[in-house]
PDB file of N, CA and C in Angstrom:
ATOM      1  N   MET A   1     102.284 103.644 131.301  1.00  0.00           N
ATOM      2  CA  MET A   1     101.280 104.346 130.892  1.00  0.00           C
ATOM      3  C   MET A   1     101.748 105.665 130.171  1.00  0.00           C
ATOM      4  N   ALA A   2     102.793 106.290 130.686  1.00  0.00           N
ATOM      5  CA  ALA A   2     103.185 107.642 130.196  1.00  0.00           C
ATOM      6  C   ALA A   2     103.806 107.386 128.705  1.00  0.00           C
ATOM      7  N   ALA A   3     104.277 106.202 128.407  1.00  0.00           N
ATOM      8  CA  ALA A   3     104.794 105.977 127.121  1.00  0.00           C
ATOM      9  C   ALA A   3     103.708 106.054 126.121  1.00  0.00           C
ATOM     10  N   SER A   4     102.621 105.408 126.355  1.00  0.00           N
ATOM     11  CA  SER A   4     101.514 105.403 125.400  1.00  0.00           C
ATOM     12  C   SER A   4     100.921 106.749 125.116  1.00  0.00           C
ATOM     13  N   LYS A   5     100.940 107.672 126.205  1.00  0.00           N
ATOM     14  CA  LYS A   5     100.495 108.975 125.892  1.00  0.00           C
ATOM     15  C   LYS A   5     101.564 109.836 125.036  1.00  0.00           C
ATOM     16  N   THR A   6     102.766 109.564 125.325  1.00  0.00           N
ATOM     17  CA  THR A   6     103.832 110.232 124.505  1.00  0.00           C
ATOM     18  C   THR A   6     103.696 109.598 122.971  1.00  0.00           C
ATOM     19  N   GLY A   7     103.379 108.438 122.772  1.00  0.00           N
ATOM     20  CA  GLY A   7     103.158 107.910 121.518  1.00  0.00           C
ATOM     21  C   GLY A   7     101.874 108.499 120.707  1.00  0.00           C
ATOM     22  N   ASN A   8     100.974 108.724 121.425  1.00  0.00           N
ATOM     23  CA  ASN A   8      99.621 109.289 120.825  1.00  0.00           C
ATOM     24  C   ASN A   8      99.986 110.828 120.342  1.00  0.00           C
ATOM     25  N   ALA A   9     100.747 111.507 121.189  1.00  0.00           N
ATOM     26  CA  ALA A   9     101.049 112.914 120.942  1.00  0.00           C
ATOM     27  C   ALA A   9     101.942 112.918 119.760  1.00  0.00           C
ATOM     28  N   GLY A  10     102.804 112.121 119.563  1.00  0.00           N
ATOM     29  CA  GLY A  10     103.681 112.108 118.421  1.00  0.00           C
ATOM     30  C   GLY A  10     102.940 111.874 117.158  1.00  0.00           C
ATOM     31  N   THR A  11     102.012 111.020 117.196  1.00  0.00           N
ATOM     32  CA  THR A  11     101.180 110.879 115.871  1.00  0.00           C
ATOM     33  C   THR A  11     100.329 111.976 115.494  1.00  0.00           C
ATOM     34  N   THR A  12      99.711 112.655 116.423  1.00  0.00           N
ATOM     35  CA  THR A  12      98.900 113.853 116.167  1.00  0.00           C
ATOM     36  C   THR A  12      99.765 115.007 115.696  1.00  0.00           C
ATOM     37  N   ALA A  13     101.013 115.163 116.243  1.00  0.00           N
ATOM     38  CA  ALA A  13     101.941 116.131 115.803  1.00  0.00           C
ATOM     39  C   ALA A  13     102.341 116.099 114.341  1.00  0.00           C
ATOM     40  N   THR A  14     102.430 114.810 113.850  1.00  0.00           N
ATOM     41  CA  THR A  14     102.889 114.651 112.608  1.00  0.00           C
ATOM     42  C   THR A  14     101.832 114.440 111.471  1.00  0.00           C
ATOM     43  N   LYS A  15     100.576 114.577 111.781  1.00  0.00           N
ATOM     44  CA  LYS A  15      99.452 114.595 111.052  1.00  0.00           C
ATOM     45  C   LYS A  15      99.466 115.758 110.017  1.00  0.00           C
ATOM     46  N   LYS A  16      99.345 115.444 108.680  1.00  0.00           N
ATOM     47  CA  LYS A  16      99.378 116.354 107.621  1.00  0.00           C
ATOM     48  C   LYS A  16      98.019 116.919 107.380  1.00  0.00           C
ATOM     49  N   PRO A  17      97.741 118.205 107.088  1.00  0.00           N
ATOM     50  CA  PRO A  17      96.495 118.578 106.726  1.00  0.00           C
ATOM     51  C   PRO A  17      95.934 118.091 105.360  1.00  0.00           C
ATOM     52  N   ASN A  18      94.670 118.007 105.237  1.00  0.00           N
ATOM     53  CA  ASN A  18      94.083 117.404 104.003  1.00  0.00           C
ATOM     54  C   ASN A  18      94.081 118.455 103.015  1.00  0.00           C
ATOM     55  N   PRO A  19      94.644 118.088 101.776  1.00  0.00           N
ATOM     56  CA  PRO A  19      94.947 119.225 100.725  1.00  0.00           C
ATOM     57  C   PRO A  19      93.482 119.475 100.113  1.00  0.00           C
ATOM     58  N   ALA A  20      92.507 118.554 100.231  1.00  0.00           N
ATOM     59  CA  ALA A  20      91.149 118.947  99.666  1.00  0.00           C
ATOM     60  C   ALA A  20      90.489 119.987 100.405  1.00  0.00           C
ATOM     61  N   LEU A  21      90.855 120.240 101.622  1.00  0.00           N
ATOM     62  CA  LEU A  21      90.235 121.369 102.421  1.00  0.00           C
ATOM     63  C   LEU A  21      90.890 122.557 102.076  1.00  0.00           C
ATOM     64  N   MET A  22      92.016 122.689 101.299  1.00  0.00           N
ATOM     65  CA  MET A  22      92.635 124.004 101.014  1.00  0.00           C
ATOM     66  C   MET A  22      92.174 124.337  99.555  1.00  0.00           C
ATOM     67  N   LYS A  23      91.504 123.453  98.750  1.00  0.00           N
ATOM     68  CA  LYS A  23      90.897 123.726  97.396  1.00  0.00           C
ATOM     69  C   LYS A  23      89.839 124.875  97.518  1.00  0.00           C
ATOM     70  N   PRO A  24      90.115 126.059  96.857  1.00  0.00           N
ATOM     71  CA  PRO A  24      89.046 127.140  96.874  1.00  0.00           C
ATOM     72  C   PRO A  24      87.908 126.667  96.335  1.00  0.00           C
ATOM     73  N   LEU A  25      86.704 126.947  96.911  1.00  0.00           N
ATOM     74  CA  LEU A  25      85.397 126.593  96.499  1.00  0.00           C
ATOM     75  C   LEU A  25      84.443 127.812  96.436  1.00  0.00           C
ATOM     76  N   GLN A  26      83.549 127.921  95.524  1.00  0.00           N
ATOM     77  CA  GLN A  26      82.663 129.038  95.295  1.00  0.00           C
ATOM     78  C   GLN A  26      81.519 128.972  96.284  1.00  0.00           C
ATOM     79  N   PRO A  27      81.407 129.949  97.189  1.00  0.00           N
ATOM     80  CA  PRO A  27      80.280 129.889  98.204  1.00  0.00           C
ATOM     81  C   PRO A  27      78.996 130.080  97.603  1.00  0.00           C
ATOM     82  N   SER A  28      77.951 129.462  98.354  1.00  0.00           N
ATOM     83  CA  SER A  28      76.552 129.656  97.877  1.00  0.00           C
ATOM     84  C   SER A  28      76.221 131.153  98.056  1.00  0.00           C
ATOM     85  N   ASN A  29      75.082 131.482  97.411  1.00  0.00           N
ATOM     86  CA  ASN A  29      74.666 132.984  97.387  1.00  0.00           C
ATOM     87  C   ASN A  29      74.497 133.376  98.919  1.00  0.00           C
ATOM     88  N   GLU A  30      73.876 132.421  99.834  1.00  0.00           N
ATOM     89  CA  GLU A  30      73.556 132.875 101.171  1.00  0.00           C
ATOM     90  C   GLU A  30      74.859 132.957 101.895  1.00  0.00           C
ATOM     91  N   LEU A  31      75.803 132.082 101.683  1.00  0.00           N
ATOM     92  CA  LEU A  31      77.048 132.267 102.357  1.00  0.00           C
ATOM     93  C   LEU A  31      77.932 133.353 101.792  1.00  0.00           C
ATOM     94  N   ALA A  32      77.808 133.666 100.474  1.00  0.00           N
ATOM     95  CA  ALA A  32      78.513 134.764  99.932  1.00  0.00           C
ATOM     96  C   ALA A  32      78.108 136.060 100.628  1.00  0.00           C
ATOM     97  N   ALA A  33      76.996 136.174 101.058  1.00  0.00           N
ATOM     98  CA  ALA A  33      76.566 137.463 101.697  1.00  0.00           C
ATOM     99  C   ALA A  33      77.353 137.587 103.014  1.00  0.00           C
ATOM    100  N   VAL A  34      77.884 136.655 103.551  1.00  0.00           N
ATOM    101  CA  VAL A  34      78.635 136.737 104.901  1.00  0.00           C
ATOM    102  C   VAL A  34      80.203 136.778 104.561  1.00  0.00           C
ATOM    103  N   VAL A  35      80.708 135.993 103.774  1.00  0.00           N
ATOM    104  CA  VAL A  35      82.040 135.765 103.570  1.00  0.00           C
ATOM    105  C   VAL A  35      82.662 136.422 102.325  1.00  0.00           C
ATOM    106  N   GLY A  36      81.815 136.849 101.260  1.00  0.00           N
ATOM    107  CA  GLY A  36      82.089 137.333  99.963  1.00  0.00           C
ATOM    108  C   GLY A  36      81.980 136.367  99.002  1.00  0.00           C
ATOM    109  N   SER A  37      81.983 136.894  97.747  1.00  0.00           N
ATOM    110  CA  SER A  37      81.598 136.081  96.652  1.00  0.00           C
ATOM    111  C   SER A  37      82.840 135.331  95.942  1.00  0.00           C
ATOM    112  N   SER A  38      84.020 135.638  96.317  1.00  0.00           N
ATOM    113  CA  SER A  38      85.289 134.965  95.652  1.00  0.00           C
ATOM    114  C   SER A  38      85.368 133.650  96.122  1.00  0.00           C
ATOM    115  N   PRO A  39      85.884 132.777  95.424  1.00  0.00           N
ATOM    116  CA  PRO A  39      86.300 131.437  95.939  1.00  0.00           C
ATOM    117  C   PRO A  39      87.236 131.458  97.035  1.00  0.00           C
ATOM    118  N   LEU A  40      86.986 130.614  98.176  1.00  0.00           N
ATOM    119  CA  LEU A  40      87.812 130.591  99.217  1.00  0.00           C
ATOM    120  C   LEU A  40      87.973 129.091  99.706  1.00  0.00           C
ATOM    121  N   PRO A  41      89.175 128.808 100.287  1.00  0.00           N
ATOM    122  CA  PRO A  41      89.256 127.516 100.922  1.00  0.00           C
ATOM    123  C   PRO A  41      88.289 127.366 102.136  1.00  0.00           C
ATOM    124  N   ARG A  42      87.894 126.109 102.559  1.00  0.00           N
ATOM    125  CA  ARG A  42      87.008 125.862 103.461  1.00  0.00           C
ATOM    126  C   ARG A  42      87.552 126.508 104.865  1.00  0.00           C
ATOM    127  N   THR A  43      88.954 126.451 105.169  1.00  0.00           N
ATOM    128  CA  THR A  43      89.456 126.889 106.332  1.00  0.00           C
ATOM    129  C   THR A  43      89.130 128.360 106.367  1.00  0.00           C
ATOM    130  N   GLU A  44      89.308 129.190 105.313  1.00  0.00           N
ATOM    131  CA  GLU A  44      89.158 130.620 105.378  1.00  0.00           C
ATOM    132  C   GLU A  44      87.655 130.895 105.650  1.00  0.00           C
ATOM    133  N   VAL A  45      86.744 130.078 105.024  1.00  0.00           N
ATOM    134  CA  VAL A  45      85.287 130.382 105.240  1.00  0.00           C
ATOM    135  C   VAL A  45      84.885 130.225 106.647  1.00  0.00           C
ATOM    136  N   VAL A  46      85.508 129.247 107.426  1.00  0.00           N
ATOM    137  CA  VAL A  46      85.232 128.894 108.813  1.00  0.00           C
ATOM    138  C   VAL A  46      85.722 130.084 109.561  1.00  0.00           C
ATOM    139  N   SER A  47      86.957 130.499 109.245  1.00  0.00           N
ATOM    140  CA  SER A  47      87.454 131.541 109.957  1.00  0.00           C
ATOM    141  C   SER A  47      86.647 133.015 109.922  1.00  0.00           C
ATOM    142  N   LYS A  48      86.182 133.058 108.720  1.00  0.00           N
ATOM    143  CA  LYS A  48      85.215 134.433 108.484  1.00  0.00           C
ATOM    144  C   LYS A  48      83.946 134.354 109.193  1.00  0.00           C
ATOM    145  N   VAL A  49      83.373 133.086 109.320  1.00  0.00           N
ATOM    146  CA  VAL A  49      82.049 132.967 110.007  1.00  0.00           C
ATOM    147  C   VAL A  49      82.347 133.054 111.492  1.00  0.00           C
TER     148      VAL A  49
END
């Protein structure tokens, strides 16, 4: 049982972030009121909200 848990932990540790989520996007007018009007990656938008 313990070996399967170790195997699962190894696959999640090596998972790479999706580069599409790092692409800066222009926020909508409503969202720009909260996070600013400059293009931001989705991860930064979530952090600011």
